[in-house]
Protein backbone atom coordinates (compact mmCIF):
# COMPACT_ATOMS: atom_id res chain seq x y z
CA MET A 1 33.69 4.65 -26.61
CA ASP A 2 32.26 6.36 -23.53
CA THR A 3 31.79 3.79 -20.77
CA ALA A 4 30.31 6.14 -18.13
CA ASN A 5 26.64 5.97 -17.18
CA ILE A 6 26.17 2.30 -18.07
CA GLY A 7 22.74 1.29 -16.79
CA LEU A 8 21.10 4.71 -17.12
CA PRO A 9 18.47 4.70 -19.86
CA ALA A 10 19.25 6.89 -22.88
CA ASN A 11 17.91 10.45 -22.65
CA THR A 12 17.33 10.17 -18.90
CA SER A 13 16.49 13.48 -17.23
CA VAL A 14 18.00 13.54 -13.74
CA LEU A 15 16.06 15.85 -11.38
CA SER A 16 17.74 15.04 -8.09
CA PHE A 17 21.05 13.76 -6.82
CA ALA A 18 22.41 12.60 -3.45
CA VAL A 19 25.67 11.20 -2.13
CA SER A 20 26.07 8.77 0.77
CA GLY A 21 29.66 7.71 1.35
CA SER A 22 30.79 6.06 -1.88
CA ASN A 23 27.21 5.71 -3.17
CA LEU A 24 25.72 8.13 -5.68
CA PHE A 25 21.94 8.31 -6.18
CA ALA A 26 20.15 9.88 -9.14
CA GLY A 27 16.39 10.53 -9.22
CA THR A 28 14.76 10.93 -12.61
CA TYR A 29 11.86 12.70 -14.24
CA ALA A 30 10.43 9.25 -15.09
CA GLY A 31 10.12 8.31 -11.40
CA GLU A 32 13.20 6.10 -11.22
CA ILE A 33 16.09 6.07 -8.76
CA PHE A 34 19.52 4.78 -9.75
CA LEU A 35 22.54 3.86 -7.58
CA SER A 36 26.20 3.96 -8.54
CA ASN A 37 28.95 2.76 -6.23
CA ASN A 38 31.78 3.34 -8.73
CA ASN A 39 31.70 7.12 -9.29
CA GLY A 40 29.03 6.97 -12.00
CA GLN A 41 30.70 4.44 -14.26
CA SER A 42 27.64 2.17 -13.96
CA TRP A 43 24.17 2.51 -12.45
CA THR A 44 21.64 0.06 -11.00
CA SER A 45 17.94 0.72 -10.55
CA VAL A 46 16.83 0.97 -6.92
CA SER A 47 13.45 2.43 -7.84
CA ILE A 48 10.42 2.46 -5.57
CA PRO A 49 8.18 -0.51 -6.51
CA GLY A 50 4.82 0.50 -7.97
CA LEU A 51 5.79 4.13 -8.48
CA LEU A 52 4.19 5.46 -11.66
CA SER A 53 6.39 6.69 -14.48
CA TYR A 54 5.08 10.27 -14.18
CA SER A 55 5.95 10.45 -10.47
CA ASN A 56 9.18 12.47 -10.85
CA VAL A 57 11.80 11.98 -8.14
CA ARG A 58 11.94 15.67 -7.20
CA ALA A 59 14.43 15.47 -4.35
CA LEU A 60 16.80 13.01 -2.71
CA THR A 61 18.53 13.54 0.61
CA VAL A 62 20.60 11.37 2.91
CA SER A 63 20.76 11.37 6.69
CA ASP A 64 22.97 8.85 8.42
CA THR A 65 21.99 5.50 6.83
CA LYS A 66 18.63 6.67 5.48
CA LEU A 67 17.87 7.79 1.94
CA PHE A 68 14.76 9.96 1.51
CA ALA A 69 13.01 10.40 -1.84
CA VAL A 70 10.39 13.03 -2.67
CA THR A 71 8.12 12.07 -5.55
CA ARG A 72 4.91 13.36 -7.02
CA ASP A 73 3.24 10.52 -5.09
CA GLY A 74 4.78 11.35 -1.72
CA VAL A 75 7.83 10.84 0.48
CA TYR A 76 9.63 7.52 0.86
CA VAL A 77 12.55 6.32 3.00
CA SER A 78 15.05 3.51 2.55
CA GLY A 79 17.50 2.29 5.16
CA ASN A 80 19.35 -0.05 2.81
CA ASN A 81 20.47 2.03 -0.20
CA GLY A 82 17.17 1.64 -2.02
CA ALA A 83 16.77 -2.14 -1.74
CA THR A 84 13.42 -1.55 0.02
CA TRP A 85 11.28 1.56 0.47
CA THR A 86 8.64 2.69 2.99
CA SER A 87 6.08 5.42 2.40
CA ILE A 88 6.13 8.13 5.10
CA ASN A 89 3.20 10.21 3.86
CA ILE A 90 1.05 10.21 7.00
CA GLY A 91 -0.09 13.76 7.73
CA LEU A 92 1.02 15.28 4.44
CA LEU A 93 -1.79 17.32 2.92
CA ALA A 94 -0.42 18.25 -0.48
CA SER A 95 2.26 17.46 -3.01
CA VAL A 96 5.74 17.73 -1.50
CA GLN A 97 8.37 19.68 -3.44
CA SER A 98 11.47 19.31 -1.26
CA LEU A 99 12.64 18.16 2.14
CA ALA A 100 15.45 18.47 4.64
CA VAL A 101 16.45 16.15 7.45
CA ALA A 102 17.72 17.53 10.75
CA LEU A 103 20.24 15.49 12.67
CA PRO A 104 19.25 14.89 16.28
CA THR A 105 20.85 16.79 19.13
CA THR A 106 22.34 14.87 22.05
CA GLU A 107 19.09 15.02 24.00
CA GLN A 108 17.09 13.79 20.95
CA ALA A 109 19.38 10.82 20.23
CA GLY A 110 17.79 8.36 17.84
CA HIS A 111 15.07 10.72 16.58
CA GLN A 112 15.51 12.43 13.22
CA GLN A 113 13.27 15.30 12.17
CA VAL A 114 12.06 15.43 8.59
CA MET A 115 10.95 18.84 7.29
CA VAL A 116 8.94 19.11 4.10
CA CYS A 117 8.01 21.98 1.81
CA GLN A 118 4.57 21.56 0.27
């Protein structure tokens, strides 16, 4: 019996993936985000509350202690491995497809730059 992927729904389509230390994150076509802290043996939902099932988690990226998620509904950030999420959509004019996070230089300490592709 295959014991990997416990907690992922059957026939789940993973669209995005990110790694933060020993944590693995998988974003799905159905708008869900899952966390594994045991190399994918089991998964727990850390999905964005209220996100619609057609939202598609298109991209996930990690910078320092922050996890960023790009969905059909916008961009979200979590500072606690997906336990809570905050929308960061202010100023975005269209649907976001991908993003990258730039680490701050010494003179920009404490300020991350988020770049989006619309």
